[in-house]
C-alpha atoms as a PDB file:
ATOM      1  CA  GLN A   1     -18.721  -2.345  -6.328  1.00  0.00           C
ATOM      2  CA  VAL A   2     -15.452  -2.593  -4.429  1.00  0.00           C
ATOM      3  CA  GLN A   3     -12.948   0.227  -4.608  1.00  0.00           C
ATOM      4  CA  LEU A   4      -9.471   0.768  -3.222  1.00  0.00           C
ATOM      5  CA  VAL A   5      -8.389   4.383  -3.043  1.00  0.00           C
ATOM      6  CA  GLU A   6      -4.820   5.349  -2.212  1.00  0.00           C
ATOM      7  CA  SER A   7      -3.787   8.730  -0.870  1.00  0.00           C
ATOM      8  CA  GLY A   8      -0.855  10.405   0.812  1.00  0.00           C
ATOM      9  CA  GLY A   9       1.700  10.498  -1.965  1.00  0.00           C
ATOM     10  CA  GLY A  10       3.687  13.550  -2.877  1.00  0.00           C
ATOM     11  CA  LEU A  11       7.101  15.150  -3.161  1.00  0.00           C
ATOM     12  CA  VAL A  12       9.482  14.768  -0.234  1.00  0.00           C
ATOM     13  CA  GLN A  13      13.161  15.399   0.314  1.00  0.00           C
ATOM     14  CA  PRO A  14      15.597  12.539   0.936  1.00  0.00           C
ATOM     15  CA  GLY A  15      15.407  11.485   4.562  1.00  0.00           C
ATOM     16  CA  GLY A  16      11.813  12.626   4.845  1.00  0.00           C
ATOM     17  CA  SER A  17       8.646  10.708   5.625  1.00  0.00           C
ATOM     18  CA  LEU A  18       5.255  10.063   4.075  1.00  0.00           C
ATOM     19  CA  ARG A  19       2.268   7.991   5.120  1.00  0.00           C
ATOM     20  CA  LEU A  20       0.204   6.347   2.431  1.00  0.00           C
ATOM     21  CA  SER A  21      -3.363   5.228   3.012  1.00  0.00           C
ATOM     22  CA  CYS A  22      -5.445   2.660   1.160  1.00  0.00           C
ATOM     23  CA  ALA A  23      -9.155   2.829   1.925  1.00  0.00           C
ATOM     24  CA  ALA A  24     -11.524   0.076   0.826  1.00  0.00           C
ATOM     25  CA  SER A  25     -15.204   0.666   0.187  1.00  0.00           C
ATOM     26  CA  GLY A  26     -18.182  -1.132  -1.288  1.00  0.00           C
ATOM     27  CA  SER A  27     -19.858  -4.467  -0.702  1.00  0.00           C
ATOM     28  CA  ILE A  28     -17.135  -5.932   1.477  1.00  0.00           C
ATOM     29  CA  PHE A  29     -17.539  -8.934   3.722  1.00  0.00           C
ATOM     30  CA  SER A  30     -13.905  -9.350   4.674  1.00  0.00           C
ATOM     31  CA  ILE A  31     -10.444  -8.170   3.689  1.00  0.00           C
ATOM     32  CA  ASN A  32      -7.690 -10.745   3.748  1.00  0.00           C
ATOM     33  CA  ARG A  33      -4.102 -10.102   2.772  1.00  0.00           C
ATOM     34  CA  THR A  34      -3.280  -6.532   1.702  1.00  0.00           C
ATOM     35  CA  GLY A  35      -0.102  -5.422   0.051  1.00  0.00           C
ATOM     36  CA  TRP A  36       1.666  -2.320  -1.158  1.00  0.00           C
ATOM     37  CA  TYR A  37       3.480  -2.503  -4.476  1.00  0.00           C
ATOM     38  CA  ARG A  38       5.463   0.101  -6.363  1.00  0.00           C
ATOM     39  CA  GLN A  39       6.509   0.678  -9.929  1.00  0.00           C
ATOM     40  CA  ALA A  40       9.282   3.028 -10.953  1.00  0.00           C
ATOM     41  CA  PRO A  41       9.620   4.273 -14.542  1.00  0.00           C
ATOM     42  CA  GLU A  42      10.785   1.532 -16.904  1.00  0.00           C
ATOM     43  CA  LYS A  43      10.866  -1.026 -14.088  1.00  0.00           C
ATOM     44  CA  GLN A  44       8.635  -3.913 -13.154  1.00  0.00           C
ATOM     45  CA  ARG A  45       6.119  -3.589 -10.370  1.00  0.00           C
ATOM     46  CA  GLU A  46       7.595  -4.903  -7.119  1.00  0.00           C
ATOM     47  CA  LEU A  47       6.143  -5.960  -3.807  1.00  0.00           C
ATOM     48  CA  VAL A  48       6.980  -3.587  -0.956  1.00  0.00           C
ATOM     49  CA  ALA A  49       5.077  -4.910   2.056  1.00  0.00           C
ATOM     50  CA  THR A  50       2.157  -7.111   3.013  1.00  0.00           C
ATOM     51  CA  ILE A  51      -0.095  -7.514   6.018  1.00  0.00           C
ATOM     52  CA  SER A  52      -2.414 -10.419   6.739  1.00  0.00           C
ATOM     53  CA  SER A  53      -5.868 -10.187   8.243  1.00  0.00           C
ATOM     54  CA  GLY A  54      -4.285 -11.176  11.534  1.00  0.00           C
ATOM     55  CA  GLY A  55      -1.621  -8.510  11.349  1.00  0.00           C
ATOM     56  CA  SER A  56       1.411 -10.527  10.236  1.00  0.00           C
ATOM     57  CA  THR A  57       3.711  -8.453   8.065  1.00  0.00           C
ATOM     58  CA  THR A  58       6.398  -8.970   5.439  1.00  0.00           C
ATOM     59  CA  TYR A  59       8.734  -6.461   3.823  1.00  0.00           C
ATOM     60  CA  ALA A  60      11.031  -6.234   0.850  1.00  0.00           C
ATOM     61  CA  ASP A  61      14.669  -6.154   1.918  1.00  0.00           C
ATOM     62  CA  SER A  62      15.050  -2.702   0.400  1.00  0.00           C
ATOM     63  CA  VAL A  63      12.535  -1.153   2.817  1.00  0.00           C
ATOM     64  CA  LYS A  64      13.036  -3.179   5.995  1.00  0.00           C
ATOM     65  CA  GLY A  65      13.609  -0.935   8.984  1.00  0.00           C
ATOM     66  CA  ARG A  66      12.299   2.126   7.116  1.00  0.00           C
ATOM     67  CA  PHE A  67       8.714   1.267   6.140  1.00  0.00           C
ATOM     68  CA  THR A  68       5.904   0.021   8.344  1.00  0.00           C
ATOM     69  CA  ILE A  69       2.625  -1.447   7.115  1.00  0.00           C
ATOM     70  CA  SER A  70      -0.414  -1.429   9.393  1.00  0.00           C
ATOM     71  CA  ARG A  71      -4.159  -1.760   9.163  1.00  0.00           C
ATOM     72  CA  ASP A  72      -7.280  -0.427  10.842  1.00  0.00           C
ATOM     73  CA  ASN A  73      -9.983  -3.009  10.272  1.00  0.00           C
ATOM     74  CA  THR A  74     -12.747  -0.749  11.572  1.00  0.00           C
ATOM     75  CA  LYS A  75     -11.894   1.814   8.895  1.00  0.00           C
ATOM     76  CA  LYS A  76     -11.091  -0.802   6.230  1.00  0.00           C
ATOM     77  CA  THR A  77      -7.830   1.069   5.711  1.00  0.00           C
ATOM     78  CA  VAL A  78      -4.227  -0.036   5.353  1.00  0.00           C
ATOM     79  CA  TYR A  79      -1.327   2.339   5.865  1.00  0.00           C
ATOM     80  CA  LEU A  80       2.280   2.448   4.749  1.00  0.00           C
ATOM     81  CA  GLN A  81       4.476   4.637   6.923  1.00  0.00           C
ATOM     82  CA  MET A  82       7.619   5.459   4.975  1.00  0.00           C
ATOM     83  CA  ASN A  83      10.583   6.937   6.826  1.00  0.00           C
ATOM     84  CA  SER A  84      14.147   7.754   5.790  1.00  0.00           C
ATOM     85  CA  LEU A  85      13.025   7.998   2.192  1.00  0.00           C
ATOM     86  CA  LYS A  86      15.599   7.677  -0.568  1.00  0.00           C
ATOM     87  CA  PRO A  87      15.515   8.798  -4.200  1.00  0.00           C
ATOM     88  CA  GLU A  88      15.275   5.136  -5.216  1.00  0.00           C
ATOM     89  CA  ASP A  89      11.923   4.938  -3.416  1.00  0.00           C
ATOM     90  CA  THR A  90      10.466   7.171  -6.122  1.00  0.00           C
ATOM     91  CA  ALA A  91       7.637   5.279  -7.803  1.00  0.00           C
ATOM     92  CA  VAL A  92       3.908   4.972  -8.169  1.00  0.00           C
ATOM     93  CA  TYR A  93       2.662   3.050  -5.133  1.00  0.00           C
ATOM     94  CA  TYR A  94      -0.293   0.708  -5.507  1.00  0.00           C
ATOM     95  CA  CYS A  95      -2.484  -0.990  -2.959  1.00  0.00           C
ATOM     96  CA  ASN A  96      -3.644  -4.551  -3.571  1.00  0.00           C
ATOM     97  CA  ALA A  97      -6.108  -6.489  -1.424  1.00  0.00           C
ATOM     98  CA  ASP A  98      -7.774  -9.892  -1.445  1.00  0.00           C
ATOM     99  CA  ILE A  99     -11.394  -9.076  -0.689  1.00  0.00           C
ATOM    100  CA  ARG A 100     -14.413 -11.276  -0.185  1.00  0.00           C
ATOM    101  CA  THR A 101     -17.570  -9.448  -1.161  1.00  0.00           C
ATOM    102  CA  THR A 102     -20.966  -9.790   0.452  1.00  0.00           C
ATOM    103  CA  ASN A 103     -21.979 -12.230  -2.301  1.00  0.00           C
ATOM    104  CA  SER A 104     -19.047 -14.469  -1.331  1.00  0.00           C
ATOM    105  CA  MET A 105     -16.843 -13.696  -4.307  1.00  0.00           C
ATOM    106  CA  LEU A 106     -13.127 -13.585  -3.463  1.00  0.00           C
ATOM    107  CA  ARG A 107     -10.711 -11.776  -5.724  1.00  0.00           C
ATOM    108  CA  ALA A 108      -7.838  -9.347  -5.756  1.00  0.00           C
ATOM    109  CA  TYR A 109      -8.430  -5.648  -6.210  1.00  0.00           C
ATOM    110  CA  TRP A 110      -6.011  -2.857  -7.125  1.00  0.00           C
ATOM    111  CA  GLY A 111      -6.082   0.821  -6.368  1.00  0.00           C
ATOM    112  CA  GLN A 112      -5.311   3.513  -8.916  1.00  0.00           C
ATOM    113  CA  GLY A 113      -1.896   4.336  -7.483  1.00  0.00           C
ATOM    114  CA  THR A 114      -0.329   7.353  -5.805  1.00  0.00           C
ATOM    115  CA  GLN A 115       2.912   9.001  -6.880  1.00  0.00           C
ATOM    116  CA  VAL A 116       5.792   9.250  -4.430  1.00  0.00           C
ATOM    117  CA  THR A 117       8.750  11.376  -5.487  1.00  0.00           C
ATOM    118  CA  VAL A 118      11.853  11.646  -3.345  1.00  0.00           C
ATOM    119  CA  SER A 119      14.057  14.473  -4.533  1.00  0.00           C
ATOM    120  CA  SER A 120      15.953  17.477  -3.273  1.00  0.00           C
END
């Protein structure tokens, strides 16, 4: 009943930019913490950035100063603006959110992922 759908991935040259979106839909009462994760081939999934319901943010050291996470509560959407992209940013990017549904259940949800490839 609750879905997270990522979009905005693609192929970009080193130094370029992309903006990822994560849109939530379904029987949602509230969205708490939301995070972006990424997983490169043969590597473990890693946390990239998080944003709380109040707008507080955290970032992995590897993306600080280059990536910005933000949210639009009216659209139930979280964004990840990625600038100065590097080949090592290549990965599948996943959205994760702690969502309370209209029947008061609270759990974490994952999106299906969107591929980001940084290459010349």
